[in-house]
Amino acid sequence: MADTSSQYSLLLNDEEKLKLEDQNSRLVCDFKANKLEEDAKKYWDLFYKRNENRFFKDRHWTTREFQELLEEDVLSHNLKTLLEIGCGVGNFIFPLFEENFNMFIYACDISPRAVELVKSHPKYSEQALKQFILTNSY
């Protein structure tokens, strides 16, 4: 199968460089940035409390974006493993299940509520998916 990986460098013109510098000049102060990072779990949990699984759409285009998933090695009978960090409510995961890949998925999110919503999805299967809450104990 053809090499589907690609790398490219984006070259900015002068106007784009000025816009980027302007954006970087408006960074939040360290205190605010640290506070937002510390409270990210709380904010995402509130987000999923309010929106549940209705905000983001399922990503049925995944195999078009990640053509590596269609390579012969992935489609073989050998079980593959995938890790999704920031799985939310499973909008990436469950469309992959529909493709019938021979794959076991580990999925994590900082929001306990999002992880519970993944567990309550009708296509959830403990034989194909292990999801867990991501902690910042690194």
C-alpha atoms as a PDB file:
ATOM      1  CA  MET A   1       0.000   0.000   0.000  1.00  0.00           C
ATOM      2  CA  ALA A   2       1.212   3.508  -0.725  1.00  0.00           C
ATOM      3  CA  ASP A   3       2.829   5.598   1.974  1.00  0.00           C
ATOM      4  CA  THR A   4       0.009   7.668   3.454  1.00  0.00           C
ATOM      5  CA  SER A   5       2.109   9.587   5.946  1.00  0.00           C
ATOM      6  CA  SER A   6       2.958  13.142   5.112  1.00  0.00           C
ATOM      7  CA  GLN A   7       4.861  15.989   6.637  1.00  0.00           C
ATOM      8  CA  TYR A   8       4.920  19.548   5.511  1.00  0.00           C
ATOM      9  CA  SER A   9       5.981  22.883   6.877  1.00  0.00           C
ATOM     10  CA  LEU A  10       3.639  25.788   6.718  1.00  0.00           C
ATOM     11  CA  LEU A  11       5.406  28.945   5.632  1.00  0.00           C
ATOM     12  CA  LEU A  12       3.824  32.134   6.906  1.00  0.00           C
ATOM     13  CA  ASN A  13       3.740  35.339   4.938  1.00  0.00           C
ATOM     14  CA  ASP A  14       4.503  38.676   6.648  1.00  0.00           C
ATOM     15  CA  GLU A  15       0.841  39.427   7.393  1.00  0.00           C
ATOM     16  CA  GLU A  16       0.339  36.012   9.000  1.00  0.00           C
ATOM     17  CA  LYS A  17       3.507  36.461  11.076  1.00  0.00           C
ATOM     18  CA  LEU A  18       2.180  39.795  12.385  1.00  0.00           C
ATOM     19  CA  LYS A  19      -1.158  38.215  13.294  1.00  0.00           C
ATOM     20  CA  LEU A  20       0.642  35.429  15.133  1.00  0.00           C
ATOM     21  CA  GLU A  21       2.799  37.901  17.062  1.00  0.00           C
ATOM     22  CA  ASP A  22      -0.340  39.880  17.975  1.00  0.00           C
ATOM     23  CA  GLN A  23      -2.051  36.735  19.267  1.00  0.00           C
ATOM     24  CA  ASN A  24       1.007  35.775  21.293  1.00  0.00           C
ATOM     25  CA  SER A  25       1.143  39.238  22.867  1.00  0.00           C
ATOM     26  CA  ARG A  26      -2.274  38.623  24.458  1.00  0.00           C
ATOM     27  CA  LEU A  27      -1.393  35.509  26.421  1.00  0.00           C
ATOM     28  CA  VAL A  28      -3.053  35.094  29.796  1.00  0.00           C
ATOM     29  CA  CYS A  29      -0.989  35.691  32.900  1.00  0.00           C
ATOM     30  CA  ASP A  30       0.687  32.704  34.567  1.00  0.00           C
ATOM     31  CA  PHE A  31      -1.760  32.719  37.497  1.00  0.00           C
ATOM     32  CA  LYS A  32      -4.794  32.553  35.191  1.00  0.00           C
ATOM     33  CA  ALA A  33      -3.173  29.897  32.974  1.00  0.00           C
ATOM     34  CA  ASN A  34      -2.349  27.729  36.009  1.00  0.00           C
ATOM     35  CA  LYS A  35      -5.854  28.188  37.419  1.00  0.00           C
ATOM     36  CA  LEU A  36      -7.447  27.147  34.116  1.00  0.00           C
ATOM     37  CA  GLU A  37      -5.230  24.072  33.957  1.00  0.00           C
ATOM     38  CA  GLU A  38      -5.952  23.128  37.585  1.00  0.00           C
ATOM     39  CA  ASP A  39      -9.706  23.456  37.044  1.00  0.00           C
ATOM     40  CA  ALA A  40      -9.852  21.824  33.599  1.00  0.00           C
ATOM     41  CA  LYS A  41     -11.388  18.632  35.005  1.00  0.00           C
ATOM     42  CA  LYS A  42     -14.135  20.620  36.725  1.00  0.00           C
ATOM     43  CA  TYR A  43     -14.885  22.675  33.603  1.00  0.00           C
ATOM     44  CA  TRP A  44     -15.038  19.617  31.317  1.00  0.00           C
ATOM     45  CA  ASP A  45     -17.258  17.809  33.807  1.00  0.00           C
ATOM     46  CA  LEU A  46     -19.624  20.803  33.841  1.00  0.00           C
ATOM     47  CA  PHE A  47     -19.535  20.846  30.044  1.00  0.00           C
ATOM     48  CA  TYR A  48     -20.607  17.190  29.834  1.00  0.00           C
ATOM     49  CA  LYS A  49     -23.201  17.685  32.574  1.00  0.00           C
ATOM     50  CA  ARG A  50     -24.795  20.394  30.445  1.00  0.00           C
ATOM     51  CA  ASN A  51     -24.339  18.842  26.988  1.00  0.00           C
ATOM     52  CA  GLU A  52     -24.064  15.096  27.688  1.00  0.00           C
ATOM     53  CA  ASN A  53     -23.372  13.451  24.305  1.00  0.00           C
ATOM     54  CA  ARG A  54     -25.206  16.029  22.184  1.00  0.00           C
ATOM     55  CA  PHE A  55     -22.455  18.567  21.491  1.00  0.00           C
ATOM     56  CA  PHE A  56     -19.897  16.834  19.262  1.00  0.00           C
ATOM     57  CA  LYS A  57     -20.922  14.706  16.280  1.00  0.00           C
ATOM     58  CA  ASP A  58     -19.643  11.195  15.658  1.00  0.00           C
ATOM     59  CA  ARG A  59     -16.541  11.216  13.479  1.00  0.00           C
ATOM     60  CA  HIS A  60     -17.559   8.919  10.643  1.00  0.00           C
ATOM     61  CA  TRP A  61     -14.766  10.432   8.509  1.00  0.00           C
ATOM     62  CA  THR A  62     -11.984   8.949  10.647  1.00  0.00           C
ATOM     63  CA  THR A  63     -10.716   6.462   8.065  1.00  0.00           C
ATOM     64  CA  ARG A  64     -10.523   9.211   5.451  1.00  0.00           C
ATOM     65  CA  GLU A  65      -8.408  11.326   7.791  1.00  0.00           C
ATOM     66  CA  PHE A  66      -6.308   8.462   9.185  1.00  0.00           C
ATOM     67  CA  GLN A  67      -5.743   6.276   6.156  1.00  0.00           C
ATOM     68  CA  GLU A  68      -3.247   4.226   8.161  1.00  0.00           C
ATOM     69  CA  LEU A  69      -6.285   2.462   9.620  1.00  0.00           C
ATOM     70  CA  LEU A  70      -7.058   1.049   6.178  1.00  0.00           C
ATOM     71  CA  GLU A  71      -3.626  -0.464   5.628  1.00  0.00           C
ATOM     72  CA  GLU A  72      -3.481  -4.225   5.188  1.00  0.00           C
ATOM     73  CA  ASP A  73      -1.626  -4.724   8.472  1.00  0.00           C
ATOM     74  CA  VAL A  74      -4.405  -3.024  10.448  1.00  0.00           C
ATOM     75  CA  LEU A  75      -7.151  -4.858   8.583  1.00  0.00           C
ATOM     76  CA  SER A  76      -5.509  -8.246   9.214  1.00  0.00           C
ATOM     77  CA  HIS A  77      -6.769 -10.736  11.752  1.00  0.00           C
ATOM     78  CA  ASN A  78      -4.119  -9.677  14.259  1.00  0.00           C
ATOM     79  CA  LEU A  79      -5.613  -7.689  17.113  1.00  0.00           C
ATOM     80  CA  LYS A  80      -4.405  -4.080  17.113  1.00  0.00           C
ATOM     81  CA  THR A  81      -4.415  -1.699  20.062  1.00  0.00           C
ATOM     82  CA  LEU A  82      -5.328   1.969  19.948  1.00  0.00           C
ATOM     83  CA  LEU A  83      -5.102   4.614  22.681  1.00  0.00           C
ATOM     84  CA  GLU A  84      -7.286   7.696  22.516  1.00  0.00           C
ATOM     85  CA  ILE A  85      -6.397  10.462  24.945  1.00  0.00           C
ATOM     86  CA  GLY A  86      -9.263  12.882  25.454  1.00  0.00           C
ATOM     87  CA  CYS A  87     -11.975  10.496  24.278  1.00  0.00           C
ATOM     88  CA  GLY A  88     -14.873  12.653  25.434  1.00  0.00           C
ATOM     89  CA  VAL A  89     -18.082  10.682  24.955  1.00  0.00           C
ATOM     90  CA  GLY A  90     -16.670   8.367  22.276  1.00  0.00           C
ATOM     91  CA  ASN A  91     -17.338  10.270  19.056  1.00  0.00           C
ATOM     92  CA  PHE A  92     -14.094   8.876  17.604  1.00  0.00           C
ATOM     93  CA  ILE A  93     -14.338   5.395  19.122  1.00  0.00           C
ATOM     94  CA  PHE A  94     -17.822   4.220  18.254  1.00  0.00           C
ATOM     95  CA  PRO A  95     -17.657   5.013  14.518  1.00  0.00           C
ATOM     96  CA  LEU A  96     -14.503   2.840  14.437  1.00  0.00           C
ATOM     97  CA  PHE A  97     -16.516  -0.026  15.932  1.00  0.00           C
ATOM     98  CA  GLU A  98     -18.908   0.303  13.000  1.00  0.00           C
ATOM     99  CA  GLU A  99     -15.961  -0.299  10.640  1.00  0.00           C
ATOM    100  CA  ASN A 100     -15.411  -3.730  12.257  1.00  0.00           C
ATOM    101  CA  PHE A 101     -11.689  -3.300  12.825  1.00  0.00           C
ATOM    102  CA  ASN A 102     -10.002  -6.044  14.823  1.00  0.00           C
ATOM    103  CA  MET A 103      -8.961  -3.554  17.457  1.00  0.00           C
ATOM    104  CA  PHE A 104      -8.925  -3.105  21.217  1.00  0.00           C
ATOM    105  CA  ILE A 105      -9.215   0.519  22.296  1.00  0.00           C
ATOM    106  CA  TYR A 106      -8.005   2.185  25.461  1.00  0.00           C
ATOM    107  CA  ALA A 107      -9.720   5.529  25.894  1.00  0.00           C
ATOM    108  CA  CYS A 108      -9.284   8.132  28.600  1.00  0.00           C
ATOM    109  CA  ASP A 109     -10.594  11.552  29.500  1.00  0.00           C
ATOM    110  CA  ILE A 110     -10.149  13.933  32.432  1.00  0.00           C
ATOM    111  CA  SER A 111     -13.919  14.181  32.875  1.00  0.00           C
ATOM    112  CA  PRO A 112     -15.428  11.363  34.963  1.00  0.00           C
ATOM    113  CA  ARG A 113     -18.813  12.289  33.510  1.00  0.00           C
ATOM    114  CA  ALA A 114     -17.535  11.786  29.935  1.00  0.00           C
ATOM    115  CA  VAL A 115     -16.128   8.374  30.882  1.00  0.00           C
ATOM    116  CA  GLU A 116     -19.509   7.381  32.334  1.00  0.00           C
ATOM    117  CA  LEU A 117     -21.230   8.533  29.138  1.00  0.00           C
ATOM    118  CA  VAL A 118     -18.912   6.250  27.143  1.00  0.00           C
ATOM    119  CA  LYS A 119     -19.899   3.337  29.409  1.00  0.00           C
ATOM    120  CA  SER A 120     -23.594   4.055  28.848  1.00  0.00           C
ATOM    121  CA  HIS A 121     -23.295   4.123  25.029  1.00  0.00           C
ATOM    122  CA  PRO A 122     -25.333   1.336  23.355  1.00  0.00           C
ATOM    123  CA  LYS A 123     -22.243   0.160  21.413  1.00  0.00           C
ATOM    124  CA  TYR A 124     -20.020  -0.008  24.484  1.00  0.00           C
ATOM    125  CA  SER A 125     -18.313  -3.383  24.870  1.00  0.00           C
ATOM    126  CA  GLU A 126     -15.858  -4.381  27.581  1.00  0.00           C
ATOM    127  CA  GLN A 127     -14.396  -6.906  25.125  1.00  0.00           C
ATOM    128  CA  ALA A 128     -13.332  -4.111  22.754  1.00  0.00           C
ATOM    129  CA  LEU A 129     -12.892  -1.048  24.955  1.00  0.00           C
ATOM    130  CA  LYS A 130     -11.338  -0.085  28.266  1.00  0.00           C
ATOM    131  CA  GLN A 131     -11.900   3.507  29.257  1.00  0.00           C
ATOM    132  CA  PHE A 132     -10.561   5.280  32.306  1.00  0.00           C
ATOM    133  CA  ILE A 133     -10.269   8.678  33.922  1.00  0.00           C
ATOM    134  CA  LEU A 134      -7.020  10.445  33.103  1.00  0.00           C
ATOM    135  CA  THR A 135      -5.398  11.979  36.150  1.00  0.00           C
ATOM    136  CA  ASN A 136      -2.635  14.538  36.268  1.00  0.00           C
ATOM    137  CA  SER A 137      -0.389  12.396  38.434  1.00  0.00           C
ATOM    138  CA  TYR A 138       2.509  12.496  36.005  1.00  0.00           C
END
